[in-house]
Amino acid sequence: MTRITAAINSFWNPPSGDAGEFGAGRVGRYDWFWQLYWNTAYDDLESYFTNYPAGSKLYKYTRGLRNPIKRWVDFYVANVWGGPLDLDAGDGRSVPSALPIVTDDEKLRRAIGRLWTWSNWNSKRSLAVRYSTTLGDCFIKVVDRPLLQKVYLQVLWPGDVAEATWDDFGNIKRAVIEHDAIDPETKRTYTYKEVIEHPATWGGRFTRFTTYRNGGEFGYPENSNLAQWETPYDFLPMTSIPWMDVGSDWGSVGFIATVRKIDAANALASQLADQVGKAVHTPLVMFGVQAGDVTVAQPDADGIPVMYVNRPPSEASIEPLISDLNLDHGLALLDAQIAEIQEDLPELRMAEAIRTGMSGEALGRAFSDVMANIQACRANHDSALVRAQMMAVAIAGASRYHADFAGFDLNSYAGGRLDHGIGSRPVLPRSTEEEFDQAARGWTMVKEAVASGLPMATALREILGWTGEQMAEMAADQAGEADLTAMMLEGARRRFDQGSTGNALLEEDGDTGTGRRLTLGDTVRE
């Protein structure tokens, strides 16, 4: 049985029973959903149809002509963690960032920024969202490399997590990672296995790691050739991101209820396309013409086949061997199917509306359900990332890997010193007019708050979200403006003392450097 066969079989005929049995069939689903993303799921139609439910057979030449899965997934990749990433881990105010870090600890910002750099997070964050959205699950593992003096975040293909158990709060307590690997020296394939156990799982004081090769314990060079070791921390350095909670520890995808509709649309689109092809290269029936009397050239595979039927010469004719099909009706049915799919996946309609230039405010009203989905998806992903970052900074600080982690250790993790968040960021694009309107409303609120007795600094901070740095810049601008005003007043006083009425200008002579008095009625030389 091929991998895609097992995938479809596990999808349409999922195991019944507890979450463990549900998890046992998920690896096949990952493979199938990944093929849907790349639009290769229909390439092995024989296996596909073998496992399709009885009574729901599709056209045997179905191709992925109307498969929206990649566009739907990429929509979330762009809107969950997409956009420019500030590698200094700023709050997104002075420098835009897809992941604005909320913390008052500037040292923690530097530590997170260093972690992002070591993890190549500017690239890997998109992979994490692509896995979770396409497959329903994603894992982020904190990898500690003492020999390299580094720690980094690793995005795992969820199918490589053979087993996992969680506590009631979503923290992983035991994980088994297993996948094929290639020996760099012999170039032979072997099975790599790694078991990570929380102290509560195995009864020790610290987290325990055990590595295997082809079923036997084995120490790898990156782990100092140790097959088993304990770490000085008591958390399991790995987090999970289920895209949709279905009451199991494992997640599910957002298009799960739409797959059959997508299959039907692809089948119909393939039938219509094939009918058009038949109309272009139609088989012919010749009536009343002897086969030897006509020569038909077929220069390539698309040549026109001919069928001869003996009839009297008076009834000789040539007719196309093709059934009559109303393409307009077929296309209308296909459009209706696509519209139904877009109702299930409104993100597709929203992406099209964005391309047409619809403003952010209008989009927010028309697609409030999509807005809510994006915010919920962001919260789910952000939570897992924050926990992984806290663990990584604690490990790097305790190991003294870099000056950017100085001051942090394992006690920082337990004591809450590493607590931080990922701030809100806009979901929809705003037009220039909308940005001006929003700014005007904000300043109006500040003015009303100050008029009611609220200090200016408080109003700017609470209403407009100004930072201390912005406050300092405003104070400097005000001081400079005050100095300029004082200079102008001093100049006016001197002119008054010299007898000027205040309407005179002093024109400097370019040759002597002296000046003469000009009144507003004089013509100024160019």
Protein backbone atom coordinates (compact mmCIF):
# COMPACT_ATOMS: atom_id res chain seq x y z
CA MET A 1 0.00 0.00 0.00
CA THR A 2 1.44 3.41 -1.00
CA ARG A 3 1.78 6.32 1.43
CA ILE A 4 -1.01 8.25 -0.29
CA THR A 5 -3.27 5.18 -0.13
CA ALA A 6 -2.69 4.91 3.61
CA ALA A 7 -3.23 8.64 3.95
CA ILE A 8 -6.60 8.68 2.22
CA ASN A 9 -7.72 5.50 3.95
CA SER A 10 -6.92 6.96 7.37
CA PHE A 11 -8.77 10.15 6.44
CA TRP A 12 -11.98 8.65 5.10
CA ASN A 13 -11.94 5.73 7.53
CA PRO A 14 -10.36 7.16 10.68
CA PRO A 15 -9.75 4.79 13.59
CA SER A 16 -12.37 4.93 16.29
CA GLY A 17 -11.64 5.21 19.97
CA ASP A 18 -9.35 7.35 22.04
CA ALA A 19 -6.95 10.14 21.09
CA GLY A 20 -4.07 7.74 20.85
CA GLU A 21 -5.79 5.85 18.03
CA PHE A 22 -6.60 9.15 16.32
CA GLY A 23 -2.95 10.10 16.58
CA ALA A 24 -1.89 6.77 15.09
CA GLY A 25 -3.52 7.65 11.75
CA ARG A 26 -2.28 11.21 11.57
CA VAL A 27 1.04 10.51 9.79
CA GLY A 28 -0.85 9.32 6.71
CA ARG A 29 -3.02 12.42 6.81
CA TYR A 30 0.08 14.62 6.95
CA ASP A 31 1.38 13.03 3.75
CA TRP A 32 -1.93 13.42 1.97
CA PHE A 33 -2.56 17.02 3.06
CA TRP A 34 0.98 17.94 2.05
CA GLN A 35 0.28 16.51 -1.41
CA LEU A 36 -2.93 18.56 -1.55
CA TYR A 37 -0.86 21.65 -0.79
CA TRP A 38 1.53 20.91 -3.66
CA ASN A 39 -1.37 19.78 -5.89
CA THR A 40 0.02 16.28 -6.43
CA ALA A 41 -2.68 14.37 -4.54
CA TYR A 42 -4.44 13.33 -7.76
CA ASP A 43 -1.32 12.00 -9.46
CA ASP A 44 -1.88 8.44 -8.16
CA LEU A 45 -5.55 8.09 -9.07
CA GLU A 46 -5.64 4.31 -8.83
CA SER A 47 -4.70 4.42 -5.17
CA TYR A 48 -6.90 7.45 -4.61
CA PHE A 49 -10.03 5.78 -5.97
CA THR A 50 -9.36 2.49 -4.21
CA ASN A 51 -9.84 4.22 -0.89
CA TYR A 52 -12.62 6.63 -1.87
CA PRO A 53 -15.96 5.83 -0.20
CA ALA A 54 -18.29 3.56 -2.13
CA GLY A 55 -20.91 5.52 -4.07
CA SER A 56 -18.71 8.61 -4.22
CA LYS A 57 -16.47 7.72 -7.12
CA LEU A 58 -14.89 10.53 -9.08
CA TYR A 59 -14.01 10.92 -12.74
CA LYS A 60 -11.07 8.59 -13.37
CA TYR A 61 -9.03 11.30 -15.10
CA THR A 62 -9.43 13.86 -12.32
CA ARG A 63 -6.60 16.39 -12.07
CA GLY A 64 -5.96 19.25 -9.68
CA LEU A 65 -7.44 21.96 -11.90
CA ARG A 66 -9.42 23.75 -9.18
CA ASN A 67 -7.46 23.07 -5.99
CA PRO A 68 -7.37 26.15 -3.70
CA ILE A 69 -5.50 24.59 -0.77
CA LYS A 70 -2.14 26.25 -1.46
CA ARG A 71 -3.71 29.70 -1.80
CA TRP A 72 -5.67 29.17 1.42
CA VAL A 73 -2.59 28.02 3.34
CA ASP A 74 -0.41 30.81 1.96
CA PHE A 75 -3.03 33.33 3.09
CA TYR A 76 -2.37 32.31 6.70
CA VAL A 77 1.39 32.13 6.17
CA ALA A 78 1.23 35.79 5.11
CA ASN A 79 -1.11 36.93 7.88
CA VAL A 80 -0.04 35.01 11.00
CA TRP A 81 3.71 35.69 11.22
CA GLY A 82 4.25 37.29 7.83
CA GLY A 83 5.84 40.65 7.14
CA PRO A 84 9.18 42.24 8.10
CA LEU A 85 10.79 40.89 11.28
CA ASP A 86 12.72 43.24 13.54
CA LEU A 87 15.71 41.11 14.57
CA ASP A 88 16.29 43.46 17.53
CA ALA A 89 12.98 42.15 18.94
CA GLY A 90 11.44 45.60 19.19
CA ASP A 91 7.85 46.39 20.12
CA GLY A 92 6.84 47.21 16.54
CA ARG A 93 6.29 50.93 17.12
CA SER A 94 9.44 52.56 15.87
CA VAL A 95 10.39 49.64 13.60
CA PRO A 96 7.56 47.53 12.10
CA SER A 97 7.75 43.87 13.08
CA ALA A 98 5.71 40.75 12.39
CA LEU A 99 6.44 39.68 15.99
CA PRO A 100 6.46 42.77 18.24
CA ILE A 101 7.85 41.76 21.62
CA VAL A 102 6.04 43.14 24.66
CA THR A 103 8.41 43.51 27.64
CA ASP A 104 9.97 46.25 29.77
CA ASP A 105 13.27 44.33 29.96
CA GLU A 106 15.62 45.56 27.23
CA LYS A 107 18.06 42.76 28.05
CA LEU A 108 15.38 40.22 27.24
CA ARG A 109 14.86 41.91 23.87
CA ARG A 110 18.53 41.47 23.03
CA ALA A 111 18.39 37.82 24.09
CA ILE A 112 15.35 37.10 21.91
CA GLY A 113 16.93 38.93 18.98
CA ARG A 114 20.06 36.80 19.32
CA LEU A 115 17.92 33.66 19.48
CA TRP A 116 16.08 34.67 16.29
CA THR A 117 19.38 35.22 14.50
CA TRP A 118 20.79 31.86 15.57
CA SER A 119 17.53 30.15 14.58
CA ASN A 120 17.26 31.83 11.16
CA TRP A 121 13.79 32.71 12.36
CA ASN A 122 13.25 35.24 9.60
CA SER A 123 12.84 32.22 7.33
CA LYS A 124 11.79 29.37 9.61
CA ARG A 125 8.75 31.19 11.03
CA SER A 126 7.01 30.82 7.66
CA LEU A 127 7.74 27.09 7.64
CA ALA A 128 6.16 26.71 11.08
CA VAL A 129 2.91 28.36 9.96
CA ARG A 130 2.93 26.42 6.67
CA TYR A 131 3.21 23.12 8.55
CA SER A 132 0.53 23.94 11.11
CA THR A 133 -1.96 25.28 8.55
CA THR A 134 -1.46 22.52 5.96
CA LEU A 135 -1.08 19.57 8.32
CA GLY A 136 -2.94 20.64 11.46
CA ASP A 137 0.14 20.30 13.70
CA CYS A 138 3.57 21.79 14.11
CA PHE A 139 6.29 21.43 16.75
CA ILE A 140 9.03 23.85 17.81
CA LYS A 141 11.97 22.20 19.52
CA VAL A 142 14.60 24.11 21.50
CA VAL A 143 17.92 22.60 20.40
CA ASP A 144 20.89 22.98 22.75
CA ARG A 145 24.32 22.60 21.14
CA PRO A 146 27.01 22.95 23.83
CA LEU A 147 29.81 22.18 21.38
CA LEU A 148 28.67 25.08 19.19
CA GLN A 149 27.88 27.28 22.20
CA LYS A 150 24.45 27.95 20.72
CA VAL A 151 20.78 27.30 21.25
CA TYR A 152 18.19 27.65 18.52
CA LEU A 153 14.55 26.97 17.59
CA GLN A 154 13.98 24.04 15.24
CA VAL A 155 10.70 23.59 13.33
CA LEU A 156 9.81 19.88 13.20
CA TRP A 157 7.80 18.06 10.56
CA PRO A 158 4.96 16.75 12.77
CA GLY A 159 5.18 13.31 11.22
CA ASP A 160 8.64 12.96 12.79
CA VAL A 161 7.06 13.17 16.24
CA ALA A 162 6.11 9.54 16.63
CA GLU A 163 4.63 9.97 20.12
CA ALA A 164 3.78 12.82 22.45
CA THR A 165 1.93 13.27 25.72
CA TRP A 166 0.73 16.55 27.22
CA ASP A 167 -0.43 17.79 30.61
CA ASP A 168 -3.72 19.60 31.14
CA PHE A 169 -2.15 22.94 30.19
CA GLY A 170 -0.72 21.88 26.83
CA ASN A 171 2.86 21.38 28.04
CA ILE A 172 4.59 18.38 26.47
CA LYS A 173 5.71 15.84 29.07
CA ARG A 174 7.14 13.14 26.82
CA ALA A 175 8.09 13.15 23.15
CA VAL A 176 9.51 10.56 20.77
CA ILE A 177 11.16 11.89 17.62
CA GLU A 178 11.84 9.31 14.93
CA HIS A 179 12.83 9.63 11.29
CA ASP A 180 15.17 8.34 8.63
CA ALA A 181 18.64 9.88 8.43
CA ILE A 182 21.73 9.43 6.29
CA ASP A 183 25.11 8.60 7.76
CA PRO A 184 27.48 11.34 6.49
CA GLU A 185 30.36 8.86 6.18
CA THR A 186 28.78 5.68 4.80
CA LYS A 187 25.88 7.48 3.03
CA ARG A 188 23.59 4.73 4.29
CA THR A 189 20.12 5.34 5.65
CA TYR A 190 19.39 4.57 9.29
CA THR A 191 16.54 5.23 11.73
CA TYR A 192 17.18 8.04 14.18
CA LYS A 193 15.18 8.08 17.38
CA GLU A 194 15.20 10.49 20.30
CA VAL A 195 13.15 10.19 23.49
CA ILE A 196 12.72 13.29 25.69
CA GLU A 197 11.16 12.77 29.12
CA HIS A 198 10.01 15.29 31.69
CA PRO A 199 11.04 14.47 35.28
CA ALA A 200 7.42 13.74 36.17
CA THR A 201 7.39 11.07 33.45
CA TRP A 202 10.41 9.05 34.47
CA GLY A 203 10.68 9.93 38.19
CA GLY A 204 13.98 11.82 38.17
CA ARG A 205 14.92 15.40 39.05
CA PHE A 206 15.69 16.68 35.57
CA THR A 207 14.67 16.23 31.94
CA ARG A 208 16.22 13.13 30.36
CA PHE A 209 17.29 12.54 26.76
CA THR A 210 17.94 9.13 25.15
CA THR A 211 19.04 8.66 21.52
CA TYR A 212 18.89 5.53 19.35
CA ARG A 213 20.12 4.27 16.00
CA ASN A 214 18.23 1.46 14.27
CA GLY A 215 16.54 0.53 17.54
CA GLY A 216 19.59 0.43 19.81
CA GLU A 217 20.87 3.15 22.13
CA PHE A 218 23.50 5.21 20.36
CA GLY A 219 25.55 8.30 21.20
CA TYR A 220 25.95 10.95 18.50
CA PRO A 221 28.93 13.32 18.21
CA GLU A 222 26.84 16.46 18.71
CA ASN A 223 25.84 15.05 22.10
CA SER A 224 29.43 14.20 23.10
CA ASN A 225 28.74 10.57 22.08
CA LEU A 226 26.39 10.10 25.01
CA ALA A 227 23.36 7.90 24.38
CA GLN A 228 21.57 9.12 27.50
CA TRP A 229 21.98 12.24 29.62
CA GLU A 230 20.10 14.50 31.98
CA THR A 231 19.86 18.27 31.71
CA PRO A 232 19.94 20.75 34.61
CA TYR A 233 16.40 21.93 33.88
CA ASP A 234 13.02 20.40 34.62
CA PHE A 235 11.00 21.42 31.57
CA LEU A 236 10.71 19.62 28.24
CA PRO A 237 12.14 22.00 25.60
CA MET A 238 9.49 21.59 22.96
CA THR A 239 6.11 23.19 22.17
CA SER A 240 3.27 22.18 19.87
CA ILE A 241 0.97 24.24 17.65
CA PRO A 242 -2.34 22.53 16.82
CA TRP A 243 -4.04 24.57 14.11
CA MET A 244 -7.55 23.61 15.19
CA ASP A 245 -8.50 22.04 18.51
CA VAL A 246 -10.75 19.03 17.91
CA GLY A 247 -10.74 17.74 21.47
CA SER A 248 -7.56 15.74 21.00
CA ASP A 249 -3.96 16.59 21.80
CA TRP A 250 -3.35 16.49 18.06
CA GLY A 251 -4.79 19.22 15.86
CA SER A 252 -6.75 19.23 12.64
CA VAL A 253 -6.82 21.38 9.51
CA GLY A 254 -9.27 24.16 8.73
CA PHE A 255 -10.30 22.70 5.34
CA ILE A 256 -11.18 19.25 6.68
CA ALA A 257 -14.91 19.54 5.82
CA THR A 258 -14.25 20.91 2.34
CA VAL A 259 -12.01 18.21 0.88
CA ARG A 260 -14.82 16.28 -0.82
CA LYS A 261 -16.17 19.48 -2.38
CA ILE A 262 -12.71 20.27 -3.72
CA ASP A 263 -12.47 16.77 -5.16
CA ALA A 264 -15.84 17.19 -6.89
CA ALA A 265 -14.84 20.55 -8.39
CA ASN A 266 -11.57 19.11 -9.66
CA ALA A 267 -13.43 16.17 -11.19
CA LEU A 268 -15.92 18.40 -13.00
CA ALA A 269 -13.22 20.80 -14.18
CA SER A 270 -11.26 17.85 -15.54
CA GLN A 271 -14.33 16.50 -17.38
CA LEU A 272 -15.05 19.89 -18.95
CA ALA A 273 -11.44 20.34 -19.98
CA ASP A 274 -11.39 16.89 -21.54
CA GLN A 275 -14.63 17.61 -23.41
CA VAL A 276 -13.07 20.73 -24.89
CA GLY A 277 -10.07 18.63 -25.90
CA LYS A 278 -12.38 16.13 -27.61
CA ALA A 279 -14.07 18.95 -29.52
CA VAL A 280 -10.70 20.12 -30.82
CA HIS A 281 -9.51 16.59 -31.72
CA THR A 282 -12.79 14.85 -32.41
CA PRO A 283 -12.84 11.21 -33.60
CA LEU A 284 -14.65 11.01 -36.98
CA VAL A 285 -17.14 8.49 -38.38
CA MET A 286 -17.18 8.14 -42.18
CA PHE A 287 -20.36 6.70 -43.63
CA GLY A 288 -20.43 5.24 -47.17
CA VAL A 289 -16.68 5.51 -47.76
CA GLN A 290 -14.50 2.45 -48.19
CA ALA A 291 -11.49 2.37 -45.89
CA GLY A 292 -9.10 2.02 -48.79
CA ASP A 293 -10.51 5.07 -50.55
CA VAL A 294 -9.38 7.57 -47.93
CA THR A 295 -5.97 8.14 -46.42
CA VAL A 296 -5.85 9.92 -43.03
CA ALA A 297 -2.51 11.28 -41.80
CA GLN A 298 -1.89 11.26 -38.06
CA PRO A 299 1.38 13.16 -37.50
CA ASP A 300 1.33 13.02 -33.70
CA ALA A 301 -0.46 11.62 -30.70
CA ASP A 302 -3.23 14.21 -31.13
CA GLY A 303 -4.12 12.98 -34.62
CA ILE A 304 -7.78 12.44 -35.45
CA PRO A 305 -8.88 8.78 -35.45
CA VAL A 306 -11.37 7.70 -38.11
CA MET A 307 -14.04 4.99 -38.05
CA TYR A 308 -15.37 3.67 -41.38
CA VAL A 309 -18.98 2.47 -41.79
CA ASN A 310 -20.02 0.91 -45.11
CA ARG A 311 -23.09 2.62 -46.58
CA PRO A 312 -24.24 3.45 -50.10
CA PRO A 313 -22.29 6.30 -51.69
CA SER A 314 -25.45 8.36 -51.73
CA GLU A 315 -25.38 8.32 -47.92
CA ALA A 316 -21.70 9.14 -47.64
CA SER A 317 -20.93 11.58 -44.80
CA ILE A 318 -18.40 12.43 -42.13
CA GLU A 319 -19.64 13.04 -38.60
CA PRO A 320 -17.80 13.78 -35.33
CA LEU A 321 -17.96 11.01 -32.75
CA ILE A 322 -18.68 13.17 -29.71
CA SER A 323 -21.65 13.59 -27.45
CA ASP A 324 -23.36 16.93 -27.23
CA LEU A 325 -22.56 18.74 -24.00
CA ASN A 326 -23.76 22.18 -23.01
CA LEU A 327 -20.51 23.72 -21.79
CA ASP A 328 -22.29 26.82 -20.49
CA HIS A 329 -24.34 24.68 -18.13
CA GLY A 330 -21.26 22.73 -17.07
CA LEU A 331 -19.29 25.90 -16.37
CA ALA A 332 -22.20 27.33 -14.40
CA LEU A 333 -22.23 24.19 -12.23
CA LEU A 334 -18.47 24.47 -11.73
CA ASP A 335 -18.82 28.12 -10.75
CA ALA A 336 -21.46 27.12 -8.20
CA GLN A 337 -19.15 24.47 -6.76
CA ILE A 338 -16.29 26.97 -6.48
CA ALA A 339 -18.61 29.49 -4.82
CA GLU A 340 -19.57 26.83 -2.26
CA ILE A 341 -15.90 26.12 -1.55
CA GLN A 342 -15.30 29.85 -1.06
CA GLU A 343 -18.14 29.96 1.43
CA ASP A 344 -16.37 27.25 3.42
CA LEU A 345 -13.01 29.01 3.00
CA PRO A 346 -13.84 32.75 3.05
CA GLU A 347 -10.15 33.56 3.21
CA LEU A 348 -10.09 32.96 -0.55
CA ARG A 349 -12.72 35.64 -1.11
CA MET A 350 -10.92 38.02 1.23
CA ALA A 351 -7.62 37.56 -0.60
CA GLU A 352 -9.36 38.43 -3.86
CA ALA A 353 -10.96 41.50 -2.26
CA ILE A 354 -7.53 42.68 -1.07
CA ARG A 355 -6.18 42.34 -4.60
CA THR A 356 -9.02 44.49 -5.94
CA GLY A 357 -8.01 47.33 -3.59
CA MET A 358 -10.83 47.16 -1.03
CA SER A 359 -9.89 49.30 1.98
CA GLY A 360 -9.07 47.85 5.36
CA GLU A 361 -12.18 49.24 7.06
CA ALA A 362 -14.44 47.78 4.39
CA LEU A 363 -12.61 44.46 4.55
CA GLY A 364 -13.05 44.36 8.31
CA ARG A 365 -16.80 44.73 7.98
CA ALA A 366 -17.17 42.26 5.10
CA PHE A 367 -14.88 39.57 6.51
CA SER A 368 -15.24 39.82 10.28
CA ASP A 369 -15.22 36.01 10.51
CA VAL A 370 -11.85 35.81 8.77
CA MET A 371 -10.50 38.55 11.02
CA ALA A 372 -11.52 36.53 14.06
CA ASN A 373 -9.90 33.38 12.61
CA ILE A 374 -6.63 35.19 11.98
CA GLN A 375 -6.52 36.62 15.48
CA ALA A 376 -7.29 33.23 17.04
CA CYS A 377 -4.65 31.56 14.88
CA ARG A 378 -2.09 34.21 15.85
CA ALA A 379 -2.82 33.75 19.54
CA ASN A 380 -2.32 30.00 19.24
CA HIS A 381 0.99 30.36 17.41
CA ASP A 382 2.22 33.23 19.58
CA SER A 383 1.67 31.29 22.79
CA ALA A 384 3.77 28.34 21.61
CA LEU A 385 6.55 30.61 20.37
CA VAL A 386 6.72 32.60 23.61
CA ARG A 387 7.09 29.43 25.67
CA ALA A 388 9.83 28.13 23.36
CA GLN A 389 11.66 31.48 23.56
CA MET A 390 11.52 31.47 27.35
CA MET A 391 13.04 28.00 27.52
CA ALA A 392 15.73 28.84 24.95
CA VAL A 393 16.82 32.04 26.72
CA ALA A 394 16.97 30.22 30.07
CA ILE A 395 19.18 27.46 28.62
CA ALA A 396 21.48 29.91 26.78
CA GLY A 397 21.79 32.13 29.85
CA ALA A 398 22.57 29.27 32.19
CA SER A 399 25.17 27.95 29.72
CA ARG A 400 26.69 31.44 29.19
CA TYR A 401 26.62 31.08 25.43
CA HIS A 402 26.67 34.79 24.59
CA ALA A 403 26.77 38.18 26.31
CA ASP A 404 23.23 38.89 25.06
CA PHE A 405 21.97 36.21 27.46
CA ALA A 406 23.90 37.52 30.46
CA GLY A 407 21.81 37.84 33.61
CA PHE A 408 19.42 35.03 32.69
CA ASP A 409 19.49 31.47 33.97
CA LEU A 410 17.19 28.60 34.82
CA ASN A 411 15.91 30.45 37.87
CA SER A 412 14.82 33.23 35.54
CA TYR A 413 12.46 30.78 33.86
CA ALA A 414 10.94 29.53 37.09
CA GLY A 415 10.83 33.01 38.64
CA GLY A 416 8.98 34.70 35.81
CA ARG A 417 11.81 36.99 34.68
CA LEU A 418 11.47 35.69 31.13
CA ASP A 419 7.74 36.41 30.89
CA HIS A 420 6.92 38.40 27.76
CA GLY A 421 4.32 38.55 25.05
CA ILE A 422 3.85 39.17 21.36
CA GLY A 423 1.89 42.35 20.78
CA SER A 424 -1.01 43.09 18.51
CA ARG A 425 -0.34 43.99 14.90
CA PRO A 426 -2.69 45.10 12.14
CA VAL A 427 -4.40 42.37 10.16
CA LEU A 428 -5.68 44.38 7.22
CA PRO A 429 -4.06 47.04 5.03
CA ARG A 430 -5.29 50.60 5.59
CA SER A 431 -5.55 53.31 2.98
CA THR A 432 -3.81 56.66 3.52
CA GLU A 433 -7.17 58.31 4.21
CA GLU A 434 -7.99 55.70 6.86
CA GLU A 435 -4.61 56.19 8.52
CA PHE A 436 -5.18 59.96 8.62
CA ASP A 437 -8.68 59.47 10.03
CA GLN A 438 -7.41 57.12 12.73
CA ALA A 439 -4.62 59.54 13.68
CA ALA A 440 -7.10 62.44 13.84
CA ARG A 441 -9.45 60.47 16.09
CA GLY A 442 -6.53 59.60 18.36
CA TRP A 443 -5.40 63.21 18.74
CA THR A 444 -8.99 64.31 19.38
CA MET A 445 -9.19 61.81 22.24
CA VAL A 446 -5.87 63.09 23.63
CA LYS A 447 -7.11 66.69 23.49
CA GLU A 448 -10.35 65.79 25.29
CA ALA A 449 -8.47 63.77 27.92
CA VAL A 450 -6.04 66.63 28.64
CA ALA A 451 -8.94 69.10 28.83
CA SER A 452 -10.53 66.89 31.47
CA GLY A 453 -7.39 67.02 33.61
CA LEU A 454 -5.33 64.00 32.47
CA PRO A 455 -1.59 64.78 32.19
CA MET A 456 -0.37 65.05 28.61
CA ALA A 457 2.25 62.32 29.04
CA THR A 458 -0.34 59.90 30.42
CA ALA A 459 -2.76 60.63 27.59
CA LEU A 460 -0.09 60.08 24.95
CA ARG A 461 1.00 56.83 26.55
CA GLU A 462 -2.43 55.34 27.20
CA ILE A 463 -4.29 56.55 24.09
CA LEU A 464 -1.65 56.72 21.37
CA GLY A 465 0.69 54.12 22.89
CA TRP A 466 3.71 56.42 22.96
CA THR A 467 6.94 55.01 24.34
CA GLY A 468 9.40 56.69 26.68
CA GLU A 469 11.68 57.33 23.72
CA GLN A 470 8.93 59.16 21.87
CA MET A 471 8.19 61.21 24.99
CA ALA A 472 11.85 62.22 25.21
CA GLU A 473 11.89 63.25 21.54
CA MET A 474 8.81 65.41 22.08
CA ALA A 475 10.42 67.07 25.11
CA ALA A 476 13.55 67.82 23.08
CA ASP A 477 11.45 69.29 20.28
CA GLN A 478 9.57 71.46 22.77
CA ALA A 479 12.84 72.67 24.31
CA GLY A 480 14.21 73.53 20.87
CA GLU A 481 11.01 75.35 19.99
CA ALA A 482 11.22 77.31 23.23
CA ASP A 483 14.82 78.31 22.45
CA LEU A 484 13.81 79.46 18.98
CA THR A 485 10.94 81.49 20.39
CA ALA A 486 13.29 83.12 22.90
CA MET A 487 15.73 84.01 20.12
CA MET A 488 12.99 85.59 18.05
CA LEU A 489 11.73 87.61 21.01
CA GLU A 490 15.24 88.79 21.81
CA GLY A 491 15.77 89.90 18.20
CA ALA A 492 12.48 91.78 18.23
CA ARG A 493 13.44 93.52 21.49
CA ARG A 494 16.75 94.72 20.02
CA ARG A 495 15.05 96.06 16.91
CA PHE A 496 12.56 97.86 19.08
CA ASP A 497 15.36 99.38 21.12
CA GLN A 498 16.93 100.58 17.86
CA GLY A 499 13.74 102.32 16.87
CA SER A 500 12.16 99.71 14.61
CA THR A 501 8.38 99.41 14.49
CA GLY A 502 8.63 95.67 14.11
CA ASN A 503 7.75 95.76 10.41
CA ALA A 504 11.31 96.30 9.25
CA LEU A 505 13.66 93.73 7.87
CA LEU A 506 17.40 93.96 7.88
CA GLU A 507 18.94 93.40 4.47
CA GLU A 508 22.60 92.56 4.57
CA ASP A 509 24.90 94.13 2.01
CA GLY A 510 26.69 91.34 0.21
CA ASP A 511 29.87 93.43 -0.25
CA THR A 512 30.35 95.26 3.04
CA GLY A 513 28.47 92.98 5.41
CA THR A 514 26.58 96.01 6.68
CA GLY A 515 22.87 96.40 6.41
CA ARG A 516 20.21 98.95 5.70
CA ARG A 517 16.71 99.16 7.01
CA LEU A 518 13.91 97.95 4.75
CA THR A 519 10.24 98.48 5.33
CA LEU A 520 7.53 96.19 4.10
CA GLY A 521 6.81 98.60 1.27
CA ASP A 522 10.32 98.33 -0.17
CA THR A 523 11.21 96.01 -3.02
CA VAL A 524 13.70 93.41 -1.93
CA ARG A 525 16.62 92.87 -4.30
CA GLU A 526 17.04 89.40 -5.78
